[in-house]
Amino acid sequence: GRKLVAELDQEIAAMQEKHAEAFKELEETQAQLELDRTFLANLKKKCAESDAEFAQRVKDRTTEIAAVEDTIAILNSDTSFDNFDKTVNVAFLQTDAELSASQKERLGRAAATLERAAGLTGAPGLSLIATHARLDAFTK
């Protein structure tokens, strides 16, 4: 009988140890579950805020696009072109120029200096600039 009692005591002790370990594991799991639930709640809150911000940005961009489209439509309308033609004086556009004698002389000296420098350095760019200065862009 004593052997049986000793075996039962050992089994009871082993069961109590298993129970204690399982209980400790249960407590740790419950604590982790609470942390996970808190994290999930915070994550849902952040996602909701991000969704709201994104929706507002989309709404703002849509409004801006519509405003730009309206502006383009106004600027491309016949009324705008007519108004532009009436208000912008084309007489301000420079079509040619008359150089004074002193300006022509200075331009000639500058072109000659550039040609000499091009000859000394062998730089084709200087020669091109000198030729352009001689031809004068506004002469016909």
N, C-alpha and C. Protein backbone atom coordinates (compact mmCIF):
# COMPACT_ATOMS: atom_id res chain seq x y z
N GLY A 1 0.75 -1.18 0.00
CA GLY A 1 0.00 0.00 0.00
C GLY A 1 0.82 1.28 0.00
N ARG A 2 2.01 1.19 0.71
CA ARG A 2 2.77 2.43 0.80
C ARG A 2 3.35 2.81 -0.57
N LYS A 3 3.69 1.82 -1.31
CA LYS A 3 4.23 2.07 -2.65
C LYS A 3 3.18 2.77 -3.52
N LEU A 4 1.93 2.34 -3.41
CA LEU A 4 0.83 2.91 -4.16
C LEU A 4 0.59 4.36 -3.72
N VAL A 5 0.66 4.60 -2.42
CA VAL A 5 0.47 5.94 -1.88
C VAL A 5 1.60 6.84 -2.37
N ALA A 6 2.83 6.36 -2.42
CA ALA A 6 3.98 7.14 -2.88
C ALA A 6 3.82 7.47 -4.36
N GLU A 7 3.37 6.51 -5.14
CA GLU A 7 3.16 6.75 -6.57
C GLU A 7 2.06 7.79 -6.79
N LEU A 8 0.97 7.67 -6.01
CA LEU A 8 -0.13 8.63 -6.12
C LEU A 8 0.35 10.03 -5.71
N ASP A 9 1.17 10.10 -4.65
CA ASP A 9 1.70 11.40 -4.22
C ASP A 9 2.57 12.02 -5.34
N GLN A 10 3.37 11.18 -6.00
CA GLN A 10 4.21 11.66 -7.09
C GLN A 10 3.34 12.14 -8.26
N GLU A 11 2.31 11.40 -8.57
CA GLU A 11 1.40 11.80 -9.65
C GLU A 11 0.70 13.11 -9.31
N ILE A 12 0.27 13.23 -8.05
CA ILE A 12 -0.41 14.46 -7.61
C ILE A 12 0.57 15.64 -7.70
N ALA A 13 1.79 15.44 -7.27
CA ALA A 13 2.81 16.50 -7.33
C ALA A 13 3.08 16.89 -8.79
N ALA A 14 3.19 15.91 -9.66
CA ALA A 14 3.44 16.18 -11.09
C ALA A 14 2.25 16.94 -11.68
N MET A 15 1.04 16.54 -11.31
CA MET A 15 -0.17 17.22 -11.81
C MET A 15 -0.22 18.65 -11.29
N GLN A 16 0.13 18.87 -10.02
CA GLN A 16 0.12 20.22 -9.47
C GLN A 16 1.17 21.10 -10.17
N GLU A 17 2.32 20.51 -10.46
CA GLU A 17 3.37 21.26 -11.17
C GLU A 17 2.90 21.62 -12.58
N LYS A 18 2.28 20.65 -13.28
CA LYS A 18 1.74 20.91 -14.62
C LYS A 18 0.66 22.00 -14.55
N HIS A 19 -0.20 21.89 -13.52
CA HIS A 19 -1.27 22.87 -13.34
C HIS A 19 -0.68 24.26 -13.11
N ALA A 20 0.36 24.36 -12.27
CA ALA A 20 0.99 25.64 -11.98
C ALA A 20 1.62 26.22 -13.26
N GLU A 21 2.30 25.39 -14.05
CA GLU A 21 2.90 25.85 -15.30
C GLU A 21 1.82 26.30 -16.29
N ALA A 22 0.76 25.52 -16.37
CA ALA A 22 -0.32 25.87 -17.28
C ALA A 22 -0.99 27.17 -16.85
N PHE A 23 -1.17 27.36 -15.56
CA PHE A 23 -1.79 28.57 -15.03
C PHE A 23 -0.90 29.79 -15.34
N LYS A 24 0.41 29.63 -15.14
CA LYS A 24 1.35 30.72 -15.43
C LYS A 24 1.32 31.04 -16.93
N GLU A 25 1.29 30.01 -17.76
CA GLU A 25 1.22 30.21 -19.21
C GLU A 25 -0.08 30.91 -19.59
N LEU A 26 -1.18 30.54 -18.94
CA LEU A 26 -2.47 31.18 -19.18
C LEU A 26 -2.41 32.67 -18.83
N GLU A 27 -1.82 33.00 -17.70
CA GLU A 27 -1.70 34.41 -17.30
C GLU A 27 -0.87 35.20 -18.31
N GLU A 28 0.26 34.61 -18.75
CA GLU A 28 1.11 35.28 -19.73
C GLU A 28 0.38 35.47 -21.07
N THR A 29 -0.37 34.46 -21.45
CA THR A 29 -1.13 34.53 -22.70
C THR A 29 -2.21 35.60 -22.60
N GLN A 30 -2.88 35.68 -21.46
CA GLN A 30 -3.91 36.70 -21.27
C GLN A 30 -3.31 38.10 -21.28
N ALA A 31 -2.12 38.25 -20.68
CA ALA A 31 -1.46 39.56 -20.68
C ALA A 31 -1.08 39.94 -22.11
N GLN A 32 -0.54 38.99 -22.87
CA GLN A 32 -0.17 39.26 -24.27
C GLN A 32 -1.41 39.57 -25.11
N LEU A 33 -2.51 38.86 -24.83
CA LEU A 33 -3.76 39.11 -25.54
C LEU A 33 -4.24 40.54 -25.29
N GLU A 34 -4.12 41.01 -24.06
CA GLU A 34 -4.52 42.37 -23.74
C GLU A 34 -3.65 43.39 -24.47
N LEU A 35 -2.34 43.13 -24.52
CA LEU A 35 -1.44 44.01 -25.27
C LEU A 35 -1.79 44.02 -26.76
N ASP A 36 -2.09 42.84 -27.30
CA ASP A 36 -2.45 42.75 -28.71
C ASP A 36 -3.76 43.47 -29.00
N ARG A 37 -4.70 43.38 -28.08
CA ARG A 37 -5.98 44.08 -28.27
C ARG A 37 -5.78 45.60 -28.24
N THR A 38 -4.93 46.06 -27.34
CA THR A 38 -4.63 47.49 -27.26
C THR A 38 -3.96 47.95 -28.55
N PHE A 39 -2.99 47.16 -29.03
CA PHE A 39 -2.31 47.49 -30.29
C PHE A 39 -3.30 47.54 -31.44
N LEU A 40 -4.20 46.57 -31.50
CA LEU A 40 -5.18 46.52 -32.57
C LEU A 40 -6.11 47.74 -32.52
N ALA A 41 -6.52 48.13 -31.31
CA ALA A 41 -7.39 49.29 -31.17
C ALA A 41 -6.67 50.56 -31.65
N ASN A 42 -5.40 50.71 -31.27
CA ASN A 42 -4.63 51.87 -31.72
C ASN A 42 -4.43 51.85 -33.24
N LEU A 43 -4.18 50.67 -33.76
CA LEU A 43 -3.99 50.54 -35.20
C LEU A 43 -5.26 50.90 -35.97
N LYS A 44 -6.40 50.44 -35.48
CA LYS A 44 -7.67 50.79 -36.13
C LYS A 44 -7.91 52.29 -36.10
N LYS A 45 -7.56 52.92 -34.96
CA LYS A 45 -7.75 54.36 -34.83
C LYS A 45 -6.85 55.10 -35.82
N LYS A 46 -5.59 54.68 -35.92
CA LYS A 46 -4.66 55.33 -36.86
C LYS A 46 -5.11 55.12 -38.30
N CYS A 47 -5.58 53.93 -38.61
CA CYS A 47 -6.05 53.65 -39.97
C CYS A 47 -7.26 54.52 -40.31
N ALA A 48 -8.16 54.67 -39.35
CA ALA A 48 -9.34 55.52 -39.59
C ALA A 48 -8.92 56.96 -39.83
N GLU A 49 -7.94 57.45 -39.05
CA GLU A 49 -7.45 58.82 -39.24
C GLU A 49 -6.77 58.96 -40.61
N SER A 50 -5.96 57.97 -40.97
CA SER A 50 -5.28 58.02 -42.28
C SER A 50 -6.29 57.97 -43.42
N ASP A 51 -7.31 57.16 -43.28
CA ASP A 51 -8.36 57.09 -44.31
C ASP A 51 -9.07 58.44 -44.46
N ALA A 52 -9.35 59.08 -43.33
CA ALA A 52 -10.02 60.38 -43.37
C ALA A 52 -9.12 61.43 -44.02
N GLU A 53 -7.82 61.42 -43.67
CA GLU A 53 -6.88 62.37 -44.27
C GLU A 53 -6.76 62.13 -45.77
N PHE A 54 -6.69 60.88 -46.17
CA PHE A 54 -6.57 60.56 -47.59
C PHE A 54 -7.83 61.01 -48.34
N ALA A 55 -8.97 60.76 -47.76
CA ALA A 55 -10.23 61.18 -48.40
C ALA A 55 -10.27 62.70 -48.56
N GLN A 56 -9.78 63.43 -47.56
CA GLN A 56 -9.75 64.89 -47.65
C GLN A 56 -8.78 65.35 -48.74
N ARG A 57 -7.61 64.69 -48.83
CA ARG A 57 -6.64 65.05 -49.88
C ARG A 57 -7.22 64.78 -51.26
N VAL A 58 -7.90 63.66 -51.42
CA VAL A 58 -8.51 63.34 -52.71
C VAL A 58 -9.57 64.39 -53.05
N LYS A 59 -10.37 64.76 -52.07
CA LYS A 59 -11.40 65.77 -52.29
C LYS A 59 -10.77 67.11 -52.69
N ASP A 60 -9.69 67.50 -51.99
CA ASP A 60 -9.01 68.75 -52.31
C ASP A 60 -8.43 68.72 -53.72
N ARG A 61 -7.77 67.62 -54.07
CA ARG A 61 -7.17 67.52 -55.42
C ARG A 61 -8.25 67.54 -56.49
N THR A 62 -9.36 66.89 -56.24
CA THR A 62 -10.46 66.88 -57.20
C THR A 62 -11.00 68.30 -57.40
N THR A 63 -11.13 69.03 -56.30
CA THR A 63 -11.60 70.42 -56.38
C THR A 63 -10.60 71.27 -57.17
N GLU A 64 -9.30 71.06 -56.91
CA GLU A 64 -8.27 71.82 -57.63
C GLU A 64 -8.30 71.50 -59.12
N ILE A 65 -8.43 70.25 -59.45
CA ILE A 65 -8.48 69.84 -60.86
C ILE A 65 -9.69 70.46 -61.55
N ALA A 66 -10.82 70.45 -60.87
CA ALA A 66 -12.02 71.05 -61.45
C ALA A 66 -11.83 72.55 -61.66
N ALA A 67 -11.16 73.21 -60.70
CA ALA A 67 -10.92 74.65 -60.83
C ALA A 67 -9.99 74.93 -62.00
N VAL A 68 -8.94 74.12 -62.16
CA VAL A 68 -8.02 74.30 -63.28
C VAL A 68 -8.74 74.05 -64.61
N GLU A 69 -9.58 73.04 -64.67
CA GLU A 69 -10.34 72.77 -65.89
C GLU A 69 -11.25 73.94 -66.23
N ASP A 70 -11.91 74.50 -65.20
CA ASP A 70 -12.78 75.67 -65.43
C ASP A 70 -11.96 76.86 -65.95
N THR A 71 -10.78 77.05 -65.36
CA THR A 71 -9.93 78.16 -65.77
C THR A 71 -9.48 77.99 -67.22
N ILE A 72 -9.09 76.78 -67.58
CA ILE A 72 -8.68 76.51 -68.96
C ILE A 72 -9.85 76.75 -69.92
N ALA A 73 -11.04 76.31 -69.51
CA ALA A 73 -12.22 76.53 -70.37
C ALA A 73 -12.47 78.02 -70.56
N ILE A 74 -12.31 78.80 -69.49
CA ILE A 74 -12.53 80.25 -69.60
C ILE A 74 -11.48 80.86 -70.52
N LEU A 75 -10.21 80.47 -70.33
CA LEU A 75 -9.14 81.06 -71.14
C LEU A 75 -9.22 80.64 -72.60
N ASN A 76 -9.77 79.49 -72.88
CA ASN A 76 -9.89 79.01 -74.26
C ASN A 76 -11.19 79.45 -74.93
N SER A 77 -12.03 80.16 -74.23
CA SER A 77 -13.32 80.57 -74.81
C SER A 77 -13.10 81.69 -75.83
N ASP A 78 -14.05 81.81 -76.75
CA ASP A 78 -13.99 82.85 -77.78
C ASP A 78 -13.99 84.24 -77.16
N THR A 79 -14.73 84.41 -76.08
CA THR A 79 -14.80 85.70 -75.40
C THR A 79 -13.43 86.12 -74.90
N SER A 80 -12.68 85.17 -74.36
CA SER A 80 -11.34 85.48 -73.86
C SER A 80 -10.41 85.86 -75.00
N PHE A 81 -10.51 85.15 -76.11
CA PHE A 81 -9.66 85.49 -77.26
C PHE A 81 -10.02 86.88 -77.80
N ASP A 82 -11.31 87.18 -77.87
CA ASP A 82 -11.74 88.50 -78.33
C ASP A 82 -11.23 89.59 -77.38
N ASN A 83 -11.35 89.34 -76.10
CA ASN A 83 -10.90 90.29 -75.09
C ASN A 83 -9.39 90.49 -75.17
N PHE A 84 -8.66 89.41 -75.38
CA PHE A 84 -7.20 89.48 -75.52
C PHE A 84 -6.83 90.33 -76.73
N ASP A 85 -7.51 90.09 -77.84
CA ASP A 85 -7.23 90.86 -79.05
C ASP A 85 -7.49 92.35 -78.84
N LYS A 86 -8.51 92.69 -78.05
CA LYS A 86 -8.85 94.09 -77.82
C LYS A 86 -7.87 94.77 -76.86
N THR A 87 -7.33 94.02 -75.89
CA THR A 87 -6.53 94.65 -74.84
C THR A 87 -5.04 94.60 -75.08
N VAL A 88 -4.54 93.66 -75.84
CA VAL A 88 -3.10 93.56 -76.07
C VAL A 88 -2.77 94.29 -77.36
N ASN A 89 -1.89 95.28 -77.25
CA ASN A 89 -1.51 96.07 -78.42
C ASN A 89 -0.30 95.39 -79.06
N VAL A 90 -0.48 94.94 -80.28
CA VAL A 90 0.58 94.23 -80.99
C VAL A 90 1.67 95.21 -81.43
N ALA A 91 1.42 96.51 -81.35
CA ALA A 91 2.40 97.50 -81.77
C ALA A 91 3.64 97.48 -80.87
N PHE A 92 3.57 96.87 -79.73
CA PHE A 92 4.72 96.82 -78.83
C PHE A 92 5.72 95.74 -79.22
N LEU A 93 5.42 94.93 -80.17
CA LEU A 93 6.31 93.86 -80.59
C LEU A 93 7.39 94.42 -81.50
N GLN A 94 8.68 94.23 -81.14
CA GLN A 94 9.78 94.75 -81.94
C GLN A 94 10.01 93.85 -83.14
N THR A 95 9.96 94.44 -84.31
CA THR A 95 10.17 93.66 -85.53
C THR A 95 11.49 93.98 -86.20
N ASP A 96 12.04 95.19 -85.98
CA ASP A 96 13.36 95.52 -86.52
C ASP A 96 13.95 96.63 -85.68
N ALA A 97 15.21 97.00 -86.00
CA ALA A 97 15.89 98.04 -85.23
C ALA A 97 16.82 98.80 -86.15
N GLU A 98 16.97 100.07 -85.90
CA GLU A 98 17.91 100.91 -86.63
C GLU A 98 19.07 101.21 -85.70
N LEU A 99 20.27 100.91 -86.14
CA LEU A 99 21.46 101.19 -85.34
C LEU A 99 22.01 102.56 -85.73
N SER A 100 22.46 103.29 -84.72
CA SER A 100 23.10 104.58 -85.01
C SER A 100 24.49 104.31 -85.57
N ALA A 101 25.10 105.33 -86.09
CA ALA A 101 26.43 105.18 -86.68
C ALA A 101 27.44 104.73 -85.63
N SER A 102 27.34 105.31 -84.44
CA SER A 102 28.30 104.93 -83.39
C SER A 102 28.07 103.47 -82.94
N GLN A 103 26.82 103.05 -82.91
CA GLN A 103 26.53 101.65 -82.55
C GLN A 103 27.08 100.71 -83.61
N LYS A 104 26.93 101.09 -84.89
CA LYS A 104 27.46 100.26 -85.97
C LYS A 104 28.97 100.17 -85.89
N GLU A 105 29.63 101.31 -85.57
CA GLU A 105 31.08 101.34 -85.46
C GLU A 105 31.55 100.43 -84.31
N ARG A 106 30.89 100.54 -83.17
CA ARG A 106 31.26 99.68 -82.02
C ARG A 106 31.03 98.21 -82.34
N LEU A 107 29.95 97.90 -83.01
CA LEU A 107 29.67 96.52 -83.39
C LEU A 107 30.74 96.00 -84.34
N GLY A 108 31.18 96.83 -85.27
CA GLY A 108 32.23 96.44 -86.20
C GLY A 108 33.55 96.19 -85.49
N ARG A 109 33.88 97.08 -84.53
CA ARG A 109 35.12 96.88 -83.76
C ARG A 109 35.07 95.61 -82.92
N ALA A 110 33.91 95.35 -82.33
CA ALA A 110 33.76 94.14 -81.51
C ALA A 110 33.89 92.90 -82.38
N ALA A 111 33.31 92.92 -83.58
CA ALA A 111 33.40 91.77 -84.48
C ALA A 111 34.84 91.56 -84.92
N ALA A 112 35.55 92.66 -85.20
CA ALA A 112 36.95 92.54 -85.62
C ALA A 112 37.81 91.98 -84.50
N THR A 113 37.57 92.43 -83.29
CA THR A 113 38.32 91.91 -82.13
C THR A 113 38.04 90.43 -81.95
N LEU A 114 36.80 90.04 -82.09
CA LEU A 114 36.44 88.62 -81.96
C LEU A 114 37.10 87.78 -83.05
N GLU A 115 37.17 88.31 -84.27
CA GLU A 115 37.80 87.57 -85.37
C GLU A 115 39.30 87.41 -85.11
N ARG A 116 39.97 88.47 -84.61
CA ARG A 116 41.40 88.37 -84.28
C ARG A 116 41.62 87.32 -83.20
N ALA A 117 40.78 87.34 -82.15
CA ALA A 117 40.91 86.38 -81.05
C ALA A 117 40.67 84.97 -81.56
N ALA A 118 39.72 84.81 -82.49
CA ALA A 118 39.43 83.48 -83.05
C ALA A 118 40.62 82.99 -83.86
N GLY A 119 41.29 83.93 -84.60
CA GLY A 119 42.45 83.55 -85.39
C GLY A 119 43.62 83.14 -84.51
N LEU A 120 43.81 83.86 -83.40
CA LEU A 120 44.93 83.56 -82.50
C LEU A 120 44.72 82.27 -81.71
N THR A 121 43.50 82.05 -81.27
CA THR A 121 43.22 80.87 -80.42
C THR A 121 42.76 79.67 -81.22
N GLY A 122 42.30 79.90 -82.43
CA GLY A 122 41.78 78.79 -83.22
C GLY A 122 40.44 78.29 -82.72
N ALA A 123 39.71 79.15 -81.99
CA ALA A 123 38.41 78.77 -81.42
C ALA A 123 37.30 79.08 -82.42
N PRO A 124 36.63 78.04 -82.95
CA PRO A 124 35.58 78.28 -83.94
C PRO A 124 34.37 79.01 -83.34
N GLY A 125 34.16 78.88 -82.04
CA GLY A 125 33.02 79.54 -81.41
C GLY A 125 33.15 81.05 -81.49
N LEU A 126 34.39 81.56 -81.30
CA LEU A 126 34.60 83.01 -81.39
C LEU A 126 34.36 83.50 -82.81
N SER A 127 34.77 82.72 -83.76
CA SER A 127 34.55 83.08 -85.16
C SER A 127 33.07 83.14 -85.47
N LEU A 128 32.33 82.21 -84.95
CA LEU A 128 30.88 82.19 -85.16
C LEU A 128 30.22 83.42 -84.55
N ILE A 129 30.65 83.79 -83.35
CA ILE A 129 30.09 84.97 -82.69
C ILE A 129 30.43 86.23 -83.50
N ALA A 130 31.66 86.30 -83.99
CA ALA A 130 32.07 87.46 -84.79
C ALA A 130 31.22 87.58 -86.05
N THR A 131 30.99 86.47 -86.73
CA THR A 131 30.16 86.47 -87.94
C THR A 131 28.74 86.92 -87.61
N HIS A 132 28.21 86.42 -86.50
CA HIS A 132 26.86 86.79 -86.08
C HIS A 132 26.79 88.30 -85.79
N ALA A 133 27.83 88.83 -85.16
CA ALA A 133 27.85 90.27 -84.85
C ALA A 133 27.91 91.09 -86.13
N ARG A 134 28.64 90.62 -87.12
CA ARG A 134 28.74 91.35 -88.40
C ARG A 134 27.39 91.35 -89.13
N LEU A 135 26.71 90.22 -89.09
CA LEU A 135 25.45 90.12 -89.82
C LEU A 135 24.34 90.90 -89.15
N ASP A 136 24.38 91.10 -87.86
CA ASP A 136 23.37 91.81 -87.08
C ASP A 136 22.00 91.17 -87.27
N ALA A 137 21.45 90.63 -86.23
CA ALA A 137 20.21 89.85 -86.27
C ALA A 137 19.01 90.65 -86.76
N PHE A 138 19.01 91.98 -86.59
CA PHE A 138 17.82 92.75 -86.94
C PHE A 138 17.87 93.32 -88.36
N THR A 139 18.97 93.18 -89.08
CA THR A 139 19.01 93.70 -90.44
C THR A 139 18.28 92.77 -91.38
N LYS A 140 17.74 93.33 -92.43
CA LYS A 140 16.96 92.53 -93.37
C LYS A 140 17.79 92.18 -94.56
